[in-house]
């Protein structure tokens, strides 16, 4: 006594449709989860490399700033009385050369900023040396200007006295 199943053909078609759609949707979900974690790993690795580059950059900028401060202190000490100017100038030049070699050579804002700082330090060193070499020249120049002005006034006064003497002499001889 075998019983026959009603709508057996329709049931098996619907079963296979369900099974295929179930496998398809399950496969899509598994693929989405896999790619989500796989892309997260790539993103994490990319972020790690960016953090590493940032730390290297931060360390280099820290060294640059420290060397810059040392160079500035050396240049500032050039104007102190009684210091060996040539020796300290050589040390300051060495620090500036060290800055030039440690600066970023890329086209980032740090590279441009560091080049600008090095150029400014070079100019600062140059003008500080000029001030040191001139010494009291500006003060002496002011004193000489005052003496020149005084001598000009004295000369004008002497000319007036001479003119008065000539006029007096002419008036005495004319009588």
N, C-alpha and C. Protein backbone atom coordinates (compact mmCIF):
# COMPACT_ATOMS: atom_id res chain seq x y z
N UNK A 1 0.74 -1.13 0.00
CA UNK A 1 0.00 0.00 0.00
C UNK A 1 0.82 1.26 0.00
N UNK A 2 1.06 1.53 -1.02
CA UNK A 2 1.87 2.70 -1.19
C UNK A 2 0.97 3.90 -1.38
N UNK A 3 1.30 4.82 -0.69
CA UNK A 3 0.49 6.02 -0.80
C UNK A 3 1.15 6.96 -1.79
N UNK A 4 0.42 7.60 -2.52
CA UNK A 4 0.98 8.52 -3.49
C UNK A 4 0.86 9.94 -2.93
N UNK A 5 1.90 10.70 -3.15
CA UNK A 5 1.96 12.06 -2.63
C UNK A 5 1.33 12.97 -3.67
N UNK A 6 0.47 13.77 -3.17
CA UNK A 6 -0.22 14.69 -4.05
C UNK A 6 0.72 15.86 -4.34
N UNK A 7 0.75 16.30 -5.53
CA UNK A 7 1.57 17.44 -5.98
C UNK A 7 3.06 17.19 -5.72
N UNK A 8 3.49 16.00 -5.96
CA UNK A 8 4.89 15.64 -5.72
C UNK A 8 5.82 16.46 -6.60
N UNK A 9 5.46 16.67 -7.82
CA UNK A 9 6.31 17.42 -8.74
C UNK A 9 6.42 18.88 -8.30
N UNK A 10 5.34 19.50 -7.92
CA UNK A 10 5.37 20.89 -7.47
C UNK A 10 6.17 21.04 -6.17
N UNK A 11 6.00 20.06 -5.30
CA UNK A 11 6.74 20.10 -4.04
C UNK A 11 8.24 20.01 -4.28
N UNK A 12 8.67 19.11 -5.14
CA UNK A 12 10.10 18.99 -5.38
C UNK A 12 10.65 20.21 -6.09
N UNK A 13 9.92 20.83 -7.01
CA UNK A 13 10.38 22.07 -7.66
C UNK A 13 10.53 23.18 -6.62
N UNK A 14 9.55 23.32 -5.76
CA UNK A 14 9.62 24.36 -4.73
C UNK A 14 10.74 24.07 -3.72
N UNK A 15 10.95 22.80 -3.40
CA UNK A 15 12.04 22.45 -2.49
C UNK A 15 13.38 22.85 -3.08
N UNK A 16 13.60 22.51 -4.36
CA UNK A 16 14.88 22.84 -5.00
C UNK A 16 15.05 24.35 -5.14
N UNK A 17 13.98 25.08 -5.41
CA UNK A 17 14.06 26.54 -5.46
C UNK A 17 14.48 27.09 -4.09
N UNK A 18 13.83 26.59 -3.04
CA UNK A 18 14.15 27.01 -1.69
C UNK A 18 15.60 26.71 -1.36
N UNK A 19 16.04 25.48 -1.71
CA UNK A 19 17.39 25.05 -1.39
C UNK A 19 18.43 25.92 -2.10
N UNK A 20 18.22 26.21 -3.39
CA UNK A 20 19.15 27.05 -4.15
C UNK A 20 19.16 28.47 -3.60
N UNK A 21 17.99 29.02 -3.33
CA UNK A 21 17.94 30.38 -2.78
C UNK A 21 18.56 30.44 -1.38
N UNK A 22 18.35 29.38 -0.58
CA UNK A 22 18.96 29.31 0.74
C UNK A 22 20.48 29.30 0.63
N UNK A 23 21.02 28.45 -0.26
CA UNK A 23 22.47 28.39 -0.44
C UNK A 23 23.02 29.72 -0.97
N UNK A 24 22.30 30.33 -1.90
CA UNK A 24 22.72 31.61 -2.47
C UNK A 24 22.76 32.70 -1.39
N UNK A 25 21.71 32.81 -0.60
CA UNK A 25 21.68 33.85 0.43
C UNK A 25 22.70 33.56 1.53
N UNK A 26 22.86 32.32 1.91
CA UNK A 26 23.87 31.97 2.90
C UNK A 26 25.27 32.27 2.38
N UNK A 27 25.51 31.95 1.11
CA UNK A 27 26.81 32.25 0.49
C UNK A 27 27.09 33.74 0.46
N UNK A 28 26.06 34.54 0.13
CA UNK A 28 26.23 36.00 0.12
C UNK A 28 26.55 36.53 1.51
N UNK A 29 25.86 36.01 2.51
CA UNK A 29 26.12 36.47 3.88
C UNK A 29 27.53 36.09 4.32
N UNK A 30 27.94 34.86 4.02
CA UNK A 30 29.29 34.42 4.38
C UNK A 30 30.33 35.25 3.64
N UNK A 31 30.09 35.53 2.35
CA UNK A 31 31.03 36.34 1.57
C UNK A 31 31.11 37.77 2.12
N UNK A 32 29.95 38.33 2.50
CA UNK A 32 29.95 39.69 3.05
C UNK A 32 30.73 39.75 4.36
N UNK A 33 30.53 38.78 5.22
CA UNK A 33 31.26 38.75 6.49
C UNK A 33 32.76 38.58 6.23
N UNK A 34 33.11 37.69 5.30
CA UNK A 34 34.53 37.46 4.99
C UNK A 34 35.19 38.73 4.46
N UNK A 35 34.54 39.38 3.48
CA UNK A 35 35.14 40.59 2.91
C UNK A 35 35.16 41.72 3.92
N UNK A 36 34.18 41.76 4.81
CA UNK A 36 34.18 42.79 5.84
C UNK A 36 35.40 42.65 6.74
N UNK A 37 35.67 41.45 7.20
CA UNK A 37 36.84 41.23 8.04
C UNK A 37 38.14 41.34 7.24
N UNK A 38 38.11 40.88 6.00
CA UNK A 38 39.30 40.95 5.16
C UNK A 38 39.68 42.40 4.87
N UNK A 39 38.70 43.23 4.53
CA UNK A 39 38.96 44.65 4.29
C UNK A 39 39.36 45.36 5.57
N UNK A 40 38.80 44.94 6.69
CA UNK A 40 39.19 45.55 7.97
C UNK A 40 40.67 45.26 8.26
N UNK A 41 41.12 44.06 7.91
CA UNK A 41 42.54 43.74 8.11
C UNK A 41 43.42 44.63 7.23
N UNK A 42 43.00 44.83 5.99
CA UNK A 42 43.77 45.72 5.09
C UNK A 42 43.77 47.14 5.63
N UNK A 43 42.61 47.59 6.06
CA UNK A 43 42.50 48.94 6.58
C UNK A 43 43.34 49.10 7.85
N UNK A 44 43.30 48.10 8.70
CA UNK A 44 44.10 48.13 9.92
C UNK A 44 45.59 48.19 9.59
N UNK A 45 46.01 47.41 8.62
CA UNK A 45 47.42 47.42 8.21
C UNK A 45 47.80 48.78 7.63
N UNK A 46 46.90 49.36 6.84
CA UNK A 46 47.16 50.68 6.25
C UNK A 46 47.28 51.73 7.37
N UNK A 47 46.38 51.66 8.34
CA UNK A 47 46.43 52.61 9.45
C UNK A 47 47.69 52.43 10.29
N UNK A 48 48.11 51.19 10.46
CA UNK A 48 49.35 50.93 11.20
C UNK A 48 50.55 51.55 10.48
N UNK A 49 50.57 51.41 9.16
CA UNK A 49 51.70 51.99 8.41
C UNK A 49 51.66 53.52 8.49
N UNK A 50 50.46 54.11 8.47
CA UNK A 50 50.36 55.57 8.60
C UNK A 50 50.81 56.04 9.99
N UNK A 51 50.44 55.30 11.01
CA UNK A 51 50.86 55.65 12.37
C UNK A 51 52.37 55.53 12.50
N UNK A 52 52.94 54.49 11.89
CA UNK A 52 54.39 54.31 11.93
C UNK A 52 55.09 55.48 11.23
N UNK A 53 54.56 55.88 10.06
CA UNK A 53 55.14 57.02 9.34
C UNK A 53 55.00 58.30 10.16
N UNK A 54 53.87 58.47 10.82
CA UNK A 54 53.66 59.65 11.66
C UNK A 54 54.65 59.68 12.82
N UNK A 55 54.88 58.53 13.43
CA UNK A 55 55.83 58.48 14.56
C UNK A 55 57.25 58.79 14.10
N UNK A 56 57.62 58.27 12.93
CA UNK A 56 58.95 58.58 12.39
C UNK A 56 59.06 60.07 12.12
N UNK A 57 58.01 60.64 11.54
CA UNK A 57 58.00 62.07 11.25
C UNK A 57 58.06 62.88 12.54
N UNK A 58 57.32 62.47 13.54
CA UNK A 58 57.31 63.17 14.82
C UNK A 58 58.70 63.13 15.47
N UNK A 59 59.35 61.99 15.41
CA UNK A 59 60.69 61.85 15.98
C UNK A 59 61.69 62.74 15.24
N UNK A 60 61.58 62.74 13.91
CA UNK A 60 62.49 63.58 13.12
C UNK A 60 62.26 65.06 13.41
N UNK A 61 61.00 65.47 13.54
CA UNK A 61 60.71 66.86 13.84
C UNK A 61 61.20 67.23 15.24
N UNK A 62 61.11 66.30 16.16
CA UNK A 62 61.60 66.55 17.51
C UNK A 62 63.12 66.75 17.50
N UNK A 63 63.83 65.90 16.76
CA UNK A 63 65.29 66.06 16.64
C UNK A 63 65.62 67.38 15.96
N UNK A 64 64.85 67.72 14.92
CA UNK A 64 65.07 68.97 14.20
C UNK A 64 64.89 70.16 15.14
N UNK A 65 63.82 70.14 15.93
CA UNK A 65 63.55 71.25 16.85
C UNK A 65 64.64 71.36 17.91
N UNK A 66 65.11 70.24 18.41
CA UNK A 66 66.17 70.25 19.42
C UNK A 66 67.46 70.82 18.85
N UNK A 67 67.83 70.38 17.66
CA UNK A 67 69.04 70.89 17.02
C UNK A 67 68.90 72.37 16.70
N UNK A 68 67.69 72.78 16.29
CA UNK A 68 67.44 74.19 15.98
C UNK A 68 67.63 75.04 17.23
N UNK A 69 67.13 74.59 18.37
CA UNK A 69 67.30 75.33 19.62
C UNK A 69 68.78 75.43 19.99
N UNK A 70 69.52 74.35 19.80
CA UNK A 70 70.96 74.38 20.08
C UNK A 70 71.66 75.40 19.20
N UNK A 71 71.32 75.41 17.91
CA UNK A 71 71.94 76.36 16.98
C UNK A 71 71.59 77.79 17.37
N UNK A 72 70.34 78.02 17.75
CA UNK A 72 69.92 79.37 18.14
C UNK A 72 70.67 79.83 19.39
N UNK A 73 70.84 78.93 20.36
CA UNK A 73 71.58 79.30 21.57
C UNK A 73 73.02 79.64 21.25
N UNK A 74 73.62 78.87 20.34
CA UNK A 74 75.01 79.16 19.95
C UNK A 74 75.10 80.52 19.26
N UNK A 75 74.17 80.79 18.36
CA UNK A 75 74.20 82.08 17.64
C UNK A 75 73.97 83.22 18.62
N UNK A 76 73.05 83.04 19.57
CA UNK A 76 72.80 84.08 20.57
C UNK A 76 74.03 84.33 21.43
N UNK A 77 74.81 83.29 21.70
CA UNK A 77 75.99 83.47 22.55
C UNK A 77 77.13 84.18 21.83
N UNK A 78 77.02 84.35 20.51
CA UNK A 78 78.06 85.08 19.77
C UNK A 78 78.18 86.52 20.24
N UNK A 79 77.06 87.11 20.64
CA UNK A 79 77.08 88.52 21.01
C UNK A 79 77.49 88.76 22.46
N UNK A 80 77.75 87.69 23.21
CA UNK A 80 78.20 87.86 24.59
C UNK A 80 79.66 88.31 24.61
N UNK A 81 80.02 89.17 25.55
CA UNK A 81 81.41 89.63 25.60
C UNK A 81 82.36 88.53 26.08
N UNK A 82 83.53 88.48 25.47
CA UNK A 82 84.58 87.58 25.91
C UNK A 82 84.45 86.15 25.43
N UNK A 83 83.63 85.89 24.44
CA UNK A 83 83.50 84.51 23.93
C UNK A 83 84.36 84.36 22.68
N UNK A 84 84.88 83.15 22.45
CA UNK A 84 85.65 82.92 21.22
C UNK A 84 84.69 82.86 20.01
N UNK A 85 84.60 83.95 19.30
CA UNK A 85 83.60 84.10 18.23
C UNK A 85 83.79 83.06 17.14
N UNK A 86 85.03 82.85 16.70
CA UNK A 86 85.26 81.91 15.59
C UNK A 86 84.87 80.48 15.97
N UNK A 87 85.20 80.08 17.19
CA UNK A 87 84.88 78.72 17.64
C UNK A 87 83.37 78.51 17.73
N UNK A 88 82.69 79.45 18.35
CA UNK A 88 81.23 79.32 18.51
C UNK A 88 80.54 79.43 17.16
N UNK A 89 81.06 80.30 16.28
CA UNK A 89 80.47 80.40 14.94
C UNK A 89 80.61 79.09 14.19
N UNK A 90 81.76 78.43 14.34
CA UNK A 90 81.96 77.13 13.67
C UNK A 90 80.98 76.09 14.21
N UNK A 91 80.78 76.08 15.53
CA UNK A 91 79.81 75.15 16.12
C UNK A 91 78.39 75.43 15.63
N UNK A 92 78.03 76.70 15.55
CA UNK A 92 76.70 77.07 15.06
C UNK A 92 76.53 76.65 13.60
N UNK A 93 77.57 76.85 12.80
CA UNK A 93 77.51 76.43 11.39
C UNK A 93 77.35 74.92 11.28
N UNK A 94 78.05 74.19 12.13
CA UNK A 94 77.91 72.72 12.13
C UNK A 94 76.49 72.31 12.49
N UNK A 95 75.89 72.98 13.47
CA UNK A 95 74.51 72.66 13.85
C UNK A 95 73.55 72.95 12.69
N UNK A 96 73.78 74.05 11.99
CA UNK A 96 72.90 74.40 10.87
C UNK A 96 73.07 73.39 9.74
N UNK A 97 74.31 72.94 9.50
CA UNK A 97 74.53 71.89 8.50
C UNK A 97 73.83 70.60 8.91
N UNK A 98 73.88 70.30 10.20
CA UNK A 98 73.19 69.12 10.71
C UNK A 98 71.68 69.27 10.50
N UNK A 99 71.16 70.47 10.70
CA UNK A 99 69.74 70.71 10.44
C UNK A 99 69.40 70.48 8.97
N UNK A 100 70.28 70.94 8.09
CA UNK A 100 70.03 70.76 6.66
C UNK A 100 69.99 69.29 6.28
N UNK A 101 70.80 68.49 6.96
CA UNK A 101 70.82 67.06 6.61
C UNK A 101 69.68 66.29 7.26
N UNK A 102 69.13 66.77 8.37
CA UNK A 102 68.05 66.04 9.03
C UNK A 102 66.67 66.48 8.59
N UNK A 103 66.57 67.53 7.83
CA UNK A 103 65.25 68.01 7.46
C UNK A 103 64.61 67.10 6.42
N UNK A 104 63.31 67.17 6.34
CA UNK A 104 62.57 66.39 5.36
C UNK A 104 62.87 66.92 3.97
N UNK A 105 63.07 66.02 3.04
CA UNK A 105 63.33 66.43 1.67
C UNK A 105 62.10 66.20 0.81
N UNK A 106 61.00 65.79 1.42
CA UNK A 106 59.79 65.58 0.65
C UNK A 106 59.09 66.91 0.42
N UNK A 107 57.97 66.84 -0.25
CA UNK A 107 57.27 68.07 -0.60
C UNK A 107 56.18 68.39 0.41
N UNK A 108 56.25 67.79 1.58
CA UNK A 108 55.23 68.08 2.59
C UNK A 108 55.47 69.46 3.18
N UNK A 109 54.54 69.87 4.00
CA UNK A 109 54.66 71.18 4.64
C UNK A 109 55.84 71.21 5.60
N UNK A 110 56.19 70.05 6.17
CA UNK A 110 57.33 70.01 7.08
C UNK A 110 58.63 70.29 6.35
N UNK A 111 58.78 69.77 5.15
CA UNK A 111 59.99 70.02 4.37
C UNK A 111 60.15 71.49 4.06
N UNK A 112 59.07 72.14 3.62
CA UNK A 112 59.12 73.57 3.31
C UNK A 112 59.38 74.39 4.56
N UNK A 113 58.73 74.02 5.64
CA UNK A 113 58.92 74.75 6.90
C UNK A 113 60.36 74.61 7.40
N UNK A 114 60.89 73.41 7.33
CA UNK A 114 62.27 73.18 7.79
C UNK A 114 63.28 73.94 6.93
N UNK A 115 63.07 73.96 5.62
CA UNK A 115 63.97 74.73 4.74
C UNK A 115 63.91 76.21 5.10
N UNK A 116 62.72 76.71 5.37
CA UNK A 116 62.56 78.11 5.74
C UNK A 116 63.27 78.40 7.07
N UNK A 117 63.17 77.50 8.01
CA UNK A 117 63.84 77.68 9.31
C UNK A 117 65.35 77.68 9.14
N UNK A 118 65.87 76.78 8.32
CA UNK A 118 67.32 76.72 8.09
C UNK A 118 67.79 78.02 7.44
N UNK A 119 67.05 78.52 6.45
CA UNK A 119 67.43 79.78 5.80
C UNK A 119 67.38 80.94 6.79
N UNK A 120 66.38 80.95 7.64
CA UNK A 120 66.28 82.02 8.65
C UNK A 120 67.43 81.95 9.64
N UNK A 121 67.80 80.76 10.06
CA UNK A 121 68.94 80.62 10.98
C UNK A 121 70.24 81.08 10.32
N UNK A 122 70.41 80.77 9.03
CA UNK A 122 71.61 81.22 8.32
C UNK A 122 71.67 82.74 8.28
N UNK A 123 70.54 83.38 7.99
CA UNK A 123 70.51 84.84 7.96
C UNK A 123 70.76 85.42 9.36
N UNK A 124 70.16 84.80 10.37
CA UNK A 124 70.34 85.25 11.74
C UNK A 124 71.81 85.17 12.15
N UNK A 125 72.46 84.08 11.76
CA UNK A 125 73.89 83.91 12.06
C UNK A 125 74.70 84.99 11.35
N UNK A 126 74.38 85.23 10.09
CA UNK A 126 75.11 86.21 9.29
C UNK A 126 75.00 87.61 9.92
N UNK A 127 73.78 88.00 10.27
CA UNK A 127 73.59 89.34 10.82
C UNK A 127 74.14 89.46 12.25
N UNK A 128 74.09 88.40 13.01
CA UNK A 128 74.69 88.44 14.35
C UNK A 128 76.19 88.61 14.25
N UNK A 129 76.81 87.92 13.28
CA UNK A 129 78.26 88.09 13.09
C UNK A 129 78.59 89.52 12.66
N UNK A 130 77.74 90.11 11.82
CA UNK A 130 77.97 91.50 11.43
C UNK A 130 77.93 92.42 12.64
N UNK A 131 76.94 92.21 13.49
CA UNK A 131 76.82 93.04 14.69
C UNK A 131 78.03 92.85 15.60
N UNK A 132 78.47 91.60 15.75
CA UNK A 132 79.63 91.33 16.59
C UNK A 132 80.88 91.95 15.99
N UNK A 133 81.05 91.84 14.68
CA UNK A 133 82.25 92.40 14.04
C UNK A 133 82.26 93.91 14.07
N UNK A 134 81.09 94.52 13.99
CA UNK A 134 81.04 95.98 14.05
C UNK A 134 81.24 96.47 15.47
N UNK A 135 80.92 95.64 16.43
CA UNK A 135 81.14 95.99 17.83
C UNK A 135 80.41 97.26 18.21
N UNK A 136 81.19 98.28 18.56
CA UNK A 136 80.62 99.56 18.99
C UNK A 136 80.49 100.53 17.83
N UNK A 137 80.57 100.07 16.62
CA UNK A 137 80.52 100.96 15.47
C UNK A 137 79.27 101.82 15.44
N UNK A 138 78.08 101.30 15.69
CA UNK A 138 76.91 102.18 15.68
C UNK A 138 76.98 103.27 16.75
N UNK A 139 77.48 102.91 17.94
CA UNK A 139 77.61 103.89 19.01
C UNK A 139 78.66 104.93 18.63
N UNK A 140 79.79 104.47 18.09
CA UNK A 140 80.84 105.39 17.66
C UNK A 140 80.35 106.29 16.53
N UNK A 141 79.56 105.74 15.64
CA UNK A 141 79.02 106.51 14.53
C UNK A 141 78.12 107.63 15.05
N UNK A 142 77.29 107.34 16.03
CA UNK A 142 76.43 108.37 16.62
C UNK A 142 77.27 109.47 17.27
N UNK A 143 78.32 109.07 17.97
CA UNK A 143 79.20 110.07 18.60
C UNK A 143 79.87 110.94 17.54
N UNK A 144 80.33 110.31 16.46
CA UNK A 144 80.95 111.08 15.38
C UNK A 144 79.96 112.03 14.72
N UNK A 145 78.72 111.60 14.57
CA UNK A 145 77.69 112.48 13.99
C UNK A 145 77.48 113.69 14.88
N UNK A 146 77.42 113.46 16.20
CA UNK A 146 77.25 114.58 17.13
C UNK A 146 78.44 115.54 17.06
N UNK A 147 79.65 114.98 17.00
CA UNK A 147 80.85 115.82 16.90
C UNK A 147 80.86 116.59 15.59
N UNK A 148 80.43 115.96 14.51
CA UNK A 148 80.38 116.62 13.20
C UNK A 148 79.39 117.78 13.25
N UNK A 149 78.21 117.53 13.81
CA UNK A 149 77.21 118.60 13.92
C UNK A 149 77.74 119.76 14.76
N UNK A 150 78.43 119.43 15.84
CA UNK A 150 79.00 120.48 16.69
C UNK A 150 80.07 121.26 15.93
N UNK A 151 80.91 120.55 15.18
CA UNK A 151 81.96 121.26 14.42
C UNK A 151 81.34 122.12 13.31
N UNK A 152 80.23 121.67 12.72
CA UNK A 152 79.54 122.50 11.72
C UNK A 152 79.02 123.78 12.36
N UNK A 153 78.45 123.67 13.56
CA UNK A 153 77.96 124.86 14.26
C UNK A 153 79.13 125.79 14.62
N UNK A 154 80.23 125.19 15.08
CA UNK A 154 81.41 126.00 15.41
C UNK A 154 81.95 126.70 14.17
N UNK A 155 81.95 126.01 13.05
CA UNK A 155 82.44 126.60 11.80
C UNK A 155 81.56 127.78 11.39
N UNK A 156 80.24 127.62 11.51
CA UNK A 156 79.32 128.71 11.17
C UNK A 156 79.57 129.92 12.08
N UNK A 157 79.79 129.64 13.36
CA UNK A 157 80.05 130.72 14.31
C UNK A 157 81.36 131.43 13.98
N UNK A 158 82.39 130.63 13.63
CA UNK A 158 83.67 131.23 13.26
C UNK A 158 83.56 132.06 11.99
N UNK A 159 82.75 131.58 11.02
CA UNK A 159 82.55 132.36 9.79
C UNK A 159 81.90 133.70 10.11
N UNK A 160 80.91 133.67 11.00
CA UNK A 160 80.25 134.92 11.38
C UNK A 160 81.24 135.87 12.06
N UNK A 161 82.05 135.30 12.96
CA UNK A 161 83.05 136.12 13.64
C UNK A 161 84.06 136.69 12.64
N UNK A 162 84.47 135.86 11.68
CA UNK A 162 85.42 136.32 10.66
C UNK A 162 84.80 137.43 9.81
N UNK A 163 83.55 137.23 9.42
CA UNK A 163 82.86 138.27 8.63
C UNK A 163 82.73 139.56 9.44
N UNK A 164 82.44 139.44 10.73
CA UNK A 164 82.34 140.62 11.59
C UNK A 164 83.70 141.31 11.71
N UNK A 165 84.76 140.51 11.85
CA UNK A 165 86.10 141.08 11.95
C UNK A 165 86.48 141.79 10.65
N UNK A 166 86.17 141.19 9.51
CA UNK A 166 86.47 141.82 8.22
C UNK A 166 85.69 143.12 8.06
N UNK A 167 84.42 143.05 8.44
CA UNK A 167 83.59 144.26 8.33
C UNK A 167 84.15 145.35 9.24
N UNK A 168 84.58 144.98 10.42
CA UNK A 168 85.15 145.93 11.36
C UNK A 168 86.47 146.49 10.82
N UNK A 169 87.29 145.60 10.24
CA UNK A 169 88.56 146.02 9.67
C UNK A 169 88.34 146.95 8.48
N UNK A 170 87.38 146.62 7.64
CA UNK A 170 87.06 147.47 6.48
C UNK A 170 86.51 148.82 6.94
N UNK A 171 85.75 148.82 7.98
CA UNK A 171 85.19 150.09 8.46
C UNK A 171 86.29 150.93 9.11
N UNK A 172 87.29 150.32 9.75
CA UNK A 172 88.38 151.04 10.37
C UNK A 172 89.35 151.57 9.32
N UNK A 173 89.59 150.82 8.27
CA UNK A 173 90.51 151.25 7.23
C UNK A 173 89.84 152.25 6.31
N UNK A 174 88.58 152.20 6.21
CA UNK A 174 87.84 153.11 5.36
C UNK A 174 87.71 154.47 5.98
N UNK A 175 87.97 154.68 7.22
CA UNK A 175 87.83 155.97 7.89
C UNK A 175 88.98 156.80 7.65
